[in-house]
């Protein structure tokens, strides 16, 4: 998939417990509704003119470009959080900037921090902020837990 063909994005998050941290990560992907995909981790750019998808249709096993944050832990009783944010510039011909962040602690702080990071990234590019989209999730670890937050970049056939 070429980056230039991407015309939409989808915010998603998930959490899970598992018998191992890797199983918890797998469960978090399933909870985020992208567990049966081959994720291609991308850096932090959202192409110009992308539209937000409220739901997404994917084929099992497809390659899926994703910018994501995750945190796995086997520290029982710990609160873990993951968040992603996209800062969009006023100039719609410019790229949006995606930031990812995970931490031990509440999702509200993780989301606040990742939004600040996205604003700073846009400022580094000397672009004016139009809006920010973000999502976060938290989980209290029982045995082996994982949180996962992502921006899925996608080619939608009938993008708005």
N, C-alpha and C. Protein backbone atom coordinates (compact mmCIF):
# COMPACT_ATOMS: atom_id res chain seq x y z
N UNK A 1 0.85 -1.18 0.00
CA UNK A 1 0.00 0.00 0.00
C UNK A 1 0.89 1.24 0.00
N UNK A 2 0.63 2.14 -0.91
CA UNK A 2 1.38 3.38 -0.96
C UNK A 2 0.75 4.39 -0.02
N UNK A 3 1.61 5.15 0.66
CA UNK A 3 1.10 6.15 1.60
C UNK A 3 0.19 7.15 0.88
N UNK A 4 0.51 7.46 -0.37
CA UNK A 4 -0.30 8.44 -1.10
C UNK A 4 -1.71 7.94 -1.36
N UNK A 5 -1.94 6.63 -1.27
CA UNK A 5 -3.29 6.11 -1.49
C UNK A 5 -4.16 6.19 -0.24
N UNK A 6 -3.56 6.51 0.89
CA UNK A 6 -4.32 6.60 2.14
C UNK A 6 -5.18 7.85 2.13
N UNK A 7 -6.47 7.68 2.42
CA UNK A 7 -7.39 8.81 2.41
C UNK A 7 -8.25 8.88 3.66
N UNK A 8 -7.97 8.01 4.63
CA UNK A 8 -8.78 8.01 5.83
C UNK A 8 -7.98 7.45 7.01
N UNK A 9 -8.51 7.71 8.20
CA UNK A 9 -7.89 7.19 9.41
C UNK A 9 -8.99 6.74 10.36
N UNK A 10 -8.59 5.87 11.28
CA UNK A 10 -9.53 5.29 12.24
C UNK A 10 -8.84 5.23 13.59
N UNK A 11 -9.45 5.79 14.61
CA UNK A 11 -8.92 5.73 15.97
C UNK A 11 -9.52 4.52 16.68
N UNK A 12 -8.66 3.74 17.33
CA UNK A 12 -9.15 2.56 18.03
C UNK A 12 -8.28 2.29 19.25
N UNK A 13 -8.83 1.55 20.20
CA UNK A 13 -8.06 1.16 21.38
C UNK A 13 -8.62 -0.13 21.94
N UNK A 14 -7.79 -0.81 22.72
CA UNK A 14 -8.23 -2.05 23.34
C UNK A 14 -7.39 -2.37 24.55
N UNK A 15 -7.86 -3.31 25.33
CA UNK A 15 -7.14 -3.76 26.52
C UNK A 15 -7.44 -5.23 26.72
N UNK A 16 -6.55 -5.91 27.46
CA UNK A 16 -6.77 -7.33 27.68
C UNK A 16 -5.86 -7.86 28.77
N UNK A 17 -6.25 -8.98 29.29
CA UNK A 17 -5.42 -9.82 30.16
C UNK A 17 -5.04 -11.05 29.37
N UNK A 18 -3.93 -11.68 29.73
CA UNK A 18 -3.52 -12.91 29.09
C UNK A 18 -2.64 -13.72 30.02
N UNK A 19 -2.35 -14.95 29.63
CA UNK A 19 -1.47 -15.77 30.46
C UNK A 19 -0.02 -15.31 30.35
N UNK A 20 0.29 -14.60 29.27
CA UNK A 20 1.60 -13.97 29.09
C UNK A 20 1.37 -12.55 28.59
N UNK A 21 2.40 -11.73 28.64
CA UNK A 21 2.26 -10.36 28.13
C UNK A 21 1.96 -10.35 26.63
N UNK A 22 2.55 -11.30 25.88
CA UNK A 22 2.27 -11.37 24.44
C UNK A 22 0.83 -11.76 24.18
N UNK A 23 0.29 -12.69 24.97
CA UNK A 23 -1.13 -13.04 24.83
C UNK A 23 -2.02 -11.86 25.20
N UNK A 24 -1.62 -11.08 26.20
CA UNK A 24 -2.39 -9.88 26.57
C UNK A 24 -2.37 -8.87 25.42
N UNK A 25 -1.21 -8.70 24.77
CA UNK A 25 -1.10 -7.81 23.61
C UNK A 25 -2.03 -8.29 22.50
N UNK A 26 -2.01 -9.58 22.20
CA UNK A 26 -2.88 -10.15 21.17
C UNK A 26 -4.34 -9.89 21.51
N UNK A 27 -4.71 -10.08 22.78
CA UNK A 27 -6.08 -9.83 23.20
C UNK A 27 -6.47 -8.36 23.08
N UNK A 28 -5.52 -7.46 23.36
CA UNK A 28 -5.79 -6.02 23.23
C UNK A 28 -6.03 -5.65 21.77
N UNK A 29 -5.28 -6.27 20.85
CA UNK A 29 -5.51 -6.04 19.42
C UNK A 29 -6.89 -6.53 19.00
N UNK A 30 -7.28 -7.71 19.50
CA UNK A 30 -8.62 -8.22 19.20
C UNK A 30 -9.69 -7.29 19.77
N UNK A 31 -9.48 -6.81 21.00
CA UNK A 31 -10.42 -5.89 21.63
C UNK A 31 -10.54 -4.58 20.84
N UNK A 32 -9.44 -4.18 20.19
CA UNK A 32 -9.43 -2.97 19.35
C UNK A 32 -9.96 -3.22 17.94
N UNK A 33 -10.35 -4.47 17.67
CA UNK A 33 -10.94 -4.88 16.39
C UNK A 33 -9.94 -4.90 15.23
N UNK A 34 -8.64 -5.05 15.56
CA UNK A 34 -7.64 -5.18 14.49
C UNK A 34 -6.70 -6.37 14.77
N UNK A 35 -7.17 -7.33 15.52
CA UNK A 35 -6.33 -8.45 15.93
C UNK A 35 -6.06 -9.48 14.85
N UNK A 36 -6.83 -9.48 13.79
CA UNK A 36 -6.61 -10.45 12.73
C UNK A 36 -5.96 -9.82 11.50
N UNK A 37 -5.20 -8.75 11.73
CA UNK A 37 -4.49 -8.04 10.67
C UNK A 37 -2.99 -8.18 10.87
N UNK A 38 -2.23 -7.93 9.83
CA UNK A 38 -0.78 -7.83 9.93
C UNK A 38 -0.44 -6.35 10.04
N UNK A 39 -0.10 -5.92 11.25
CA UNK A 39 0.16 -4.51 11.48
C UNK A 39 1.53 -4.10 10.95
N UNK A 40 1.53 -2.99 10.24
CA UNK A 40 2.77 -2.36 9.79
C UNK A 40 2.93 -1.09 10.60
N UNK A 41 3.86 -1.09 11.54
CA UNK A 41 4.04 0.08 12.40
C UNK A 41 4.64 1.20 11.56
N UNK A 42 3.95 2.33 11.56
CA UNK A 42 4.42 3.51 10.83
C UNK A 42 4.77 4.60 11.82
N UNK A 43 5.52 5.57 11.34
CA UNK A 43 5.86 6.70 12.21
C UNK A 43 4.66 7.63 12.30
N UNK A 44 4.87 8.87 12.43
CA UNK A 44 3.83 9.74 12.97
C UNK A 44 3.22 10.76 12.01
N UNK A 45 2.95 10.36 10.78
CA UNK A 45 2.39 11.30 9.82
C UNK A 45 1.05 10.79 9.28
N UNK A 46 0.07 11.69 9.30
CA UNK A 46 -1.23 11.43 8.69
C UNK A 46 -1.28 12.25 7.40
N UNK A 47 -1.42 11.61 6.24
CA UNK A 47 -1.41 12.34 4.98
C UNK A 47 -2.49 13.43 4.91
N UNK A 48 -2.26 14.45 4.08
CA UNK A 48 -3.27 15.50 3.92
C UNK A 48 -4.61 14.93 3.42
N UNK A 49 -5.67 15.63 3.72
CA UNK A 49 -7.02 15.34 3.20
C UNK A 49 -7.60 14.00 3.66
N UNK A 50 -7.16 13.50 4.79
CA UNK A 50 -7.71 12.25 5.32
C UNK A 50 -9.01 12.52 6.07
N UNK A 51 -9.94 11.61 5.94
CA UNK A 51 -11.22 11.69 6.64
C UNK A 51 -11.26 10.66 7.76
N UNK A 52 -11.92 11.02 8.85
CA UNK A 52 -12.06 10.09 9.97
C UNK A 52 -13.14 9.07 9.67
N UNK A 53 -12.84 7.81 9.94
CA UNK A 53 -13.82 6.74 9.83
C UNK A 53 -14.36 6.42 11.22
N UNK A 54 -15.66 6.25 11.32
CA UNK A 54 -16.30 5.88 12.57
C UNK A 54 -16.24 4.36 12.75
N UNK A 55 -16.30 3.64 11.64
CA UNK A 55 -16.09 2.20 11.64
C UNK A 55 -15.28 1.86 10.41
N UNK A 56 -14.68 0.68 10.45
CA UNK A 56 -13.76 0.30 9.37
C UNK A 56 -14.03 -1.14 8.96
N UNK A 57 -13.95 -1.40 7.66
CA UNK A 57 -14.11 -2.75 7.15
C UNK A 57 -12.74 -3.23 6.69
N UNK A 58 -12.30 -4.34 7.26
CA UNK A 58 -10.98 -4.87 6.96
C UNK A 58 -11.08 -6.33 6.57
N UNK A 59 -10.11 -6.79 5.76
CA UNK A 59 -10.04 -8.19 5.39
C UNK A 59 -9.05 -8.89 6.30
N UNK A 60 -9.41 -10.03 6.80
CA UNK A 60 -8.51 -10.79 7.68
C UNK A 60 -7.16 -11.00 7.01
N UNK A 61 -6.11 -10.74 7.77
CA UNK A 61 -4.76 -10.97 7.28
C UNK A 61 -4.16 -9.84 6.45
N UNK A 62 -4.94 -8.80 6.17
CA UNK A 62 -4.40 -7.74 5.33
C UNK A 62 -3.30 -6.96 6.05
N UNK A 63 -2.44 -6.32 5.27
CA UNK A 63 -1.42 -5.43 5.81
C UNK A 63 -2.09 -4.12 6.19
N UNK A 64 -1.80 -3.65 7.40
CA UNK A 64 -2.50 -2.48 7.91
C UNK A 64 -1.52 -1.49 8.52
N UNK A 65 -1.32 -0.31 7.88
CA UNK A 65 -0.45 0.71 8.47
C UNK A 65 -1.07 1.29 9.74
N UNK A 66 -0.30 1.28 10.83
CA UNK A 66 -0.82 1.71 12.11
C UNK A 66 0.27 2.44 12.90
N UNK A 67 -0.08 3.59 13.46
CA UNK A 67 0.78 4.26 14.45
C UNK A 67 0.15 3.93 15.79
N UNK A 68 0.93 3.34 16.70
CA UNK A 68 0.31 2.90 17.94
C UNK A 68 1.21 3.00 19.15
N UNK A 69 0.53 3.04 20.31
CA UNK A 69 1.19 2.98 21.62
C UNK A 69 0.63 1.77 22.33
N UNK A 70 1.48 1.10 23.09
CA UNK A 70 0.98 -0.01 23.90
C UNK A 70 1.87 -0.14 25.13
N UNK A 71 1.29 -0.74 26.16
CA UNK A 71 2.05 -1.02 27.37
C UNK A 71 1.61 -2.37 27.89
N UNK A 72 2.59 -3.25 28.08
CA UNK A 72 2.35 -4.58 28.64
C UNK A 72 2.95 -4.60 30.04
N UNK A 73 2.28 -5.29 30.95
CA UNK A 73 2.80 -5.38 32.31
C UNK A 73 2.31 -6.65 32.98
N UNK A 74 3.15 -7.21 33.83
CA UNK A 74 2.74 -8.34 34.67
C UNK A 74 2.82 -7.94 36.15
N UNK A 75 2.76 -6.63 36.39
CA UNK A 75 2.81 -6.07 37.75
C UNK A 75 1.38 -5.93 38.27
N UNK A 76 0.90 -6.96 38.96
CA UNK A 76 -0.48 -7.01 39.43
C UNK A 76 -0.86 -5.77 40.24
N UNK A 77 -2.05 -5.23 39.90
CA UNK A 77 -2.57 -4.06 40.60
C UNK A 77 -2.18 -2.73 39.98
N UNK A 78 -1.24 -2.73 39.05
CA UNK A 78 -0.81 -1.48 38.40
C UNK A 78 -1.84 -1.03 37.37
N UNK A 79 -2.05 0.28 37.29
CA UNK A 79 -2.91 0.88 36.28
C UNK A 79 -2.02 1.28 35.11
N UNK A 80 -2.34 0.75 33.91
CA UNK A 80 -1.57 1.08 32.72
C UNK A 80 -2.47 1.79 31.71
N UNK A 81 -1.88 2.66 30.91
CA UNK A 81 -2.65 3.45 29.95
C UNK A 81 -1.89 3.63 28.66
N UNK A 82 -2.63 3.76 27.56
CA UNK A 82 -2.07 4.08 26.25
C UNK A 82 -2.97 5.10 25.58
N UNK A 83 -2.36 5.99 24.78
CA UNK A 83 -3.11 7.03 24.09
C UNK A 83 -2.42 7.40 22.79
N UNK A 84 -3.22 7.86 21.82
CA UNK A 84 -2.72 8.42 20.57
C UNK A 84 -3.48 9.70 20.29
N UNK A 85 -2.83 10.60 19.55
CA UNK A 85 -3.47 11.85 19.14
C UNK A 85 -2.97 12.24 17.76
N UNK A 86 -3.85 12.92 17.02
CA UNK A 86 -3.46 13.50 15.74
C UNK A 86 -3.74 15.00 15.81
N UNK A 87 -2.72 15.80 15.54
CA UNK A 87 -2.89 17.26 15.43
C UNK A 87 -3.00 17.59 13.94
N UNK A 88 -4.09 18.22 13.58
CA UNK A 88 -4.32 18.60 12.19
C UNK A 88 -4.06 20.09 12.00
N UNK A 89 -3.34 20.45 10.93
CA UNK A 89 -3.05 21.86 10.67
C UNK A 89 -4.22 22.55 9.97
N UNK A 90 -4.27 23.88 10.09
CA UNK A 90 -5.29 24.66 9.39
C UNK A 90 -5.16 24.50 7.88
N UNK A 91 -3.92 24.41 7.38
CA UNK A 91 -3.68 24.21 5.95
C UNK A 91 -3.92 22.73 5.63
N UNK A 92 -5.02 22.44 4.98
CA UNK A 92 -5.41 21.05 4.71
C UNK A 92 -4.50 20.36 3.71
N UNK A 93 -3.61 21.11 3.06
CA UNK A 93 -2.65 20.50 2.14
C UNK A 93 -1.40 20.00 2.88
N UNK A 94 -1.33 20.26 4.17
CA UNK A 94 -0.21 19.79 4.99
C UNK A 94 -0.60 18.51 5.73
N UNK A 95 0.40 17.78 6.17
CA UNK A 95 0.17 16.53 6.91
C UNK A 95 -0.25 16.81 8.35
N UNK A 96 -1.03 15.91 8.89
CA UNK A 96 -1.28 15.89 10.32
C UNK A 96 -0.15 15.13 11.00
N UNK A 97 0.00 15.33 12.30
CA UNK A 97 1.07 14.66 13.04
C UNK A 97 0.45 13.79 14.13
N UNK A 98 0.88 12.53 14.14
CA UNK A 98 0.38 11.55 15.11
C UNK A 98 1.42 11.38 16.21
N UNK A 99 0.96 11.35 17.44
CA UNK A 99 1.83 11.05 18.57
C UNK A 99 1.24 9.88 19.36
N UNK A 100 2.12 9.10 19.98
CA UNK A 100 1.73 7.92 20.74
C UNK A 100 2.38 8.01 22.12
N UNK A 101 1.65 7.54 23.15
CA UNK A 101 2.19 7.61 24.51
C UNK A 101 1.56 6.53 25.38
N UNK A 102 2.38 5.89 26.21
CA UNK A 102 1.90 4.91 27.19
C UNK A 102 2.56 5.19 28.53
N UNK A 103 1.88 4.80 29.62
CA UNK A 103 2.41 5.10 30.95
C UNK A 103 1.72 4.23 32.00
N UNK A 104 2.32 4.18 33.18
CA UNK A 104 1.66 3.65 34.36
C UNK A 104 0.88 4.81 34.96
N UNK A 105 -0.44 4.67 35.05
CA UNK A 105 -1.27 5.74 35.57
C UNK A 105 -2.55 5.86 34.76
N UNK A 106 -3.37 6.87 35.08
CA UNK A 106 -4.69 7.01 34.47
C UNK A 106 -4.66 7.48 33.02
N UNK A 107 -5.68 7.05 32.27
CA UNK A 107 -5.76 7.40 30.85
C UNK A 107 -5.93 8.90 30.63
N UNK A 108 -6.53 9.61 31.58
CA UNK A 108 -6.72 11.05 31.40
C UNK A 108 -5.37 11.77 31.29
N UNK A 109 -4.41 11.35 32.10
CA UNK A 109 -3.09 11.97 32.03
C UNK A 109 -2.39 11.56 30.73
N UNK A 110 -2.50 10.29 30.34
CA UNK A 110 -1.88 9.83 29.10
C UNK A 110 -2.43 10.60 27.90
N UNK A 111 -3.75 10.81 27.88
CA UNK A 111 -4.36 11.52 26.75
C UNK A 111 -3.97 13.00 26.76
N UNK A 112 -3.92 13.61 27.93
CA UNK A 112 -3.48 15.01 28.02
C UNK A 112 -2.05 15.15 27.51
N UNK A 113 -1.17 14.25 27.92
CA UNK A 113 0.23 14.29 27.51
C UNK A 113 0.39 14.09 26.01
N UNK A 114 -0.32 13.11 25.43
CA UNK A 114 -0.16 12.84 24.01
C UNK A 114 -0.71 13.99 23.17
N UNK A 115 -1.74 14.66 23.64
CA UNK A 115 -2.27 15.83 22.93
C UNK A 115 -1.25 16.97 22.95
N UNK A 116 -0.60 17.18 24.09
CA UNK A 116 0.46 18.19 24.18
C UNK A 116 1.61 17.86 23.22
N UNK A 117 1.97 16.59 23.15
CA UNK A 117 3.04 16.16 22.25
C UNK A 117 2.67 16.43 20.79
N UNK A 118 1.41 16.18 20.42
CA UNK A 118 0.96 16.40 19.04
C UNK A 118 0.98 17.89 18.69
N UNK A 119 0.57 18.74 19.63
CA UNK A 119 0.63 20.19 19.40
C UNK A 119 2.06 20.63 19.19
N UNK A 120 2.97 20.14 20.03
CA UNK A 120 4.38 20.51 19.89
C UNK A 120 4.94 20.07 18.54
N UNK A 121 4.56 18.88 18.09
CA UNK A 121 5.05 18.38 16.79
C UNK A 121 4.58 19.27 15.64
N UNK A 122 3.35 19.77 15.73
CA UNK A 122 2.85 20.67 14.70
C UNK A 122 3.59 22.01 14.77
N UNK A 123 3.84 22.49 15.99
CA UNK A 123 4.58 23.75 16.16
C UNK A 123 5.99 23.64 15.59
N UNK A 124 6.63 22.49 15.75
CA UNK A 124 7.96 22.28 15.19
C UNK A 124 7.96 22.43 13.67
N UNK A 125 6.84 22.13 13.07
CA UNK A 125 6.69 22.25 11.61
C UNK A 125 6.20 23.64 11.21
N UNK A 126 6.04 24.51 12.21
CA UNK A 126 5.57 25.88 11.99
C UNK A 126 4.20 25.91 11.30
N UNK A 127 3.33 25.01 11.78
CA UNK A 127 1.97 24.92 11.26
C UNK A 127 0.98 25.31 12.35
N UNK A 128 -0.09 25.99 11.94
CA UNK A 128 -1.14 26.40 12.87
C UNK A 128 -2.11 25.24 13.11
N UNK A 129 -2.51 25.07 14.35
CA UNK A 129 -3.41 23.99 14.74
C UNK A 129 -4.86 24.29 14.34
N UNK A 130 -5.48 23.30 13.70
CA UNK A 130 -6.92 23.36 13.42
C UNK A 130 -7.69 22.59 14.49
N UNK A 131 -7.30 21.33 14.70
CA UNK A 131 -7.98 20.49 15.69
C UNK A 131 -7.11 19.30 16.07
N UNK A 132 -7.49 18.66 17.17
CA UNK A 132 -6.82 17.46 17.63
C UNK A 132 -7.87 16.38 17.84
N UNK A 133 -7.56 15.18 17.40
CA UNK A 133 -8.37 14.00 17.66
C UNK A 133 -7.51 13.07 18.53
N UNK A 134 -8.11 12.45 19.52
CA UNK A 134 -7.34 11.56 20.39
C UNK A 134 -8.23 10.46 20.96
N UNK A 135 -7.56 9.43 21.47
CA UNK A 135 -8.25 8.31 22.10
C UNK A 135 -7.30 7.72 23.14
N UNK A 136 -7.86 7.19 24.22
CA UNK A 136 -7.03 6.60 25.27
C UNK A 136 -7.78 5.45 25.94
N UNK A 137 -7.01 4.64 26.65
CA UNK A 137 -7.59 3.49 27.35
C UNK A 137 -6.72 3.18 28.56
N UNK A 138 -7.32 2.61 29.60
CA UNK A 138 -6.56 2.20 30.78
C UNK A 138 -7.01 0.81 31.20
N UNK A 139 -6.15 0.17 32.00
CA UNK A 139 -6.44 -1.19 32.46
C UNK A 139 -5.70 -1.43 33.77
N UNK A 140 -6.38 -2.02 34.73
CA UNK A 140 -5.74 -2.43 35.98
C UNK A 140 -5.29 -3.88 35.81
N UNK A 141 -3.99 -4.09 35.88
CA UNK A 141 -3.40 -5.40 35.62
C UNK A 141 -3.78 -6.39 36.72
N UNK A 142 -4.23 -7.56 36.30
CA UNK A 142 -4.51 -8.65 37.24
C UNK A 142 -3.32 -9.62 37.25
N UNK A 143 -2.98 -10.14 36.09
CA UNK A 143 -1.87 -11.09 35.95
C UNK A 143 -0.87 -10.55 34.91
N UNK A 144 -1.27 -10.59 33.67
CA UNK A 144 -0.50 -10.00 32.57
C UNK A 144 -1.49 -9.17 31.75
N UNK A 145 -1.29 -7.86 31.73
CA UNK A 145 -2.23 -6.98 31.05
C UNK A 145 -1.57 -6.17 29.96
N UNK A 146 -2.40 -5.61 29.09
CA UNK A 146 -1.90 -4.77 28.01
C UNK A 146 -2.95 -3.73 27.64
N UNK A 147 -2.49 -2.51 27.35
CA UNK A 147 -3.32 -1.48 26.74
C UNK A 147 -2.74 -1.17 25.37
N UNK A 148 -3.61 -0.75 24.46
CA UNK A 148 -3.22 -0.50 23.07
C UNK A 148 -4.10 0.62 22.53
N UNK A 149 -3.50 1.64 21.94
CA UNK A 149 -4.24 2.73 21.29
C UNK A 149 -3.58 2.97 19.94
N UNK A 150 -4.40 3.21 18.90
CA UNK A 150 -3.84 3.29 17.55
C UNK A 150 -4.59 4.25 16.64
N UNK A 151 -3.82 4.74 15.67
CA UNK A 151 -4.37 5.42 14.51
C UNK A 151 -4.11 4.48 13.33
N UNK A 152 -5.18 3.97 12.76
CA UNK A 152 -5.09 3.10 11.59
C UNK A 152 -5.19 3.99 10.37
N UNK A 153 -4.23 3.87 9.46
CA UNK A 153 -4.27 4.60 8.19
C UNK A 153 -4.81 3.66 7.13
N UNK A 154 -5.77 4.16 6.34
CA UNK A 154 -6.54 3.25 5.49
C UNK A 154 -6.89 3.91 4.16
N UNK A 155 -7.08 3.09 3.15
CA UNK A 155 -7.60 3.52 1.84
C UNK A 155 -9.05 3.10 1.80
N UNK A 156 -9.93 4.06 1.97
CA UNK A 156 -11.37 3.80 1.93
C UNK A 156 -11.85 4.04 0.49
N UNK A 157 -12.59 3.08 -0.04
CA UNK A 157 -13.05 3.22 -1.44
C UNK A 157 -13.96 4.41 -1.64
N UNK A 158 -14.81 4.65 -0.66
CA UNK A 158 -15.78 5.75 -0.80
C UNK A 158 -15.58 6.76 0.32
N UNK A 159 -14.37 7.31 0.41
CA UNK A 159 -14.10 8.30 1.46
C UNK A 159 -14.90 9.56 1.21
N UNK A 160 -15.32 10.16 2.33
CA UNK A 160 -16.13 11.39 2.23
C UNK A 160 -15.30 12.54 1.79
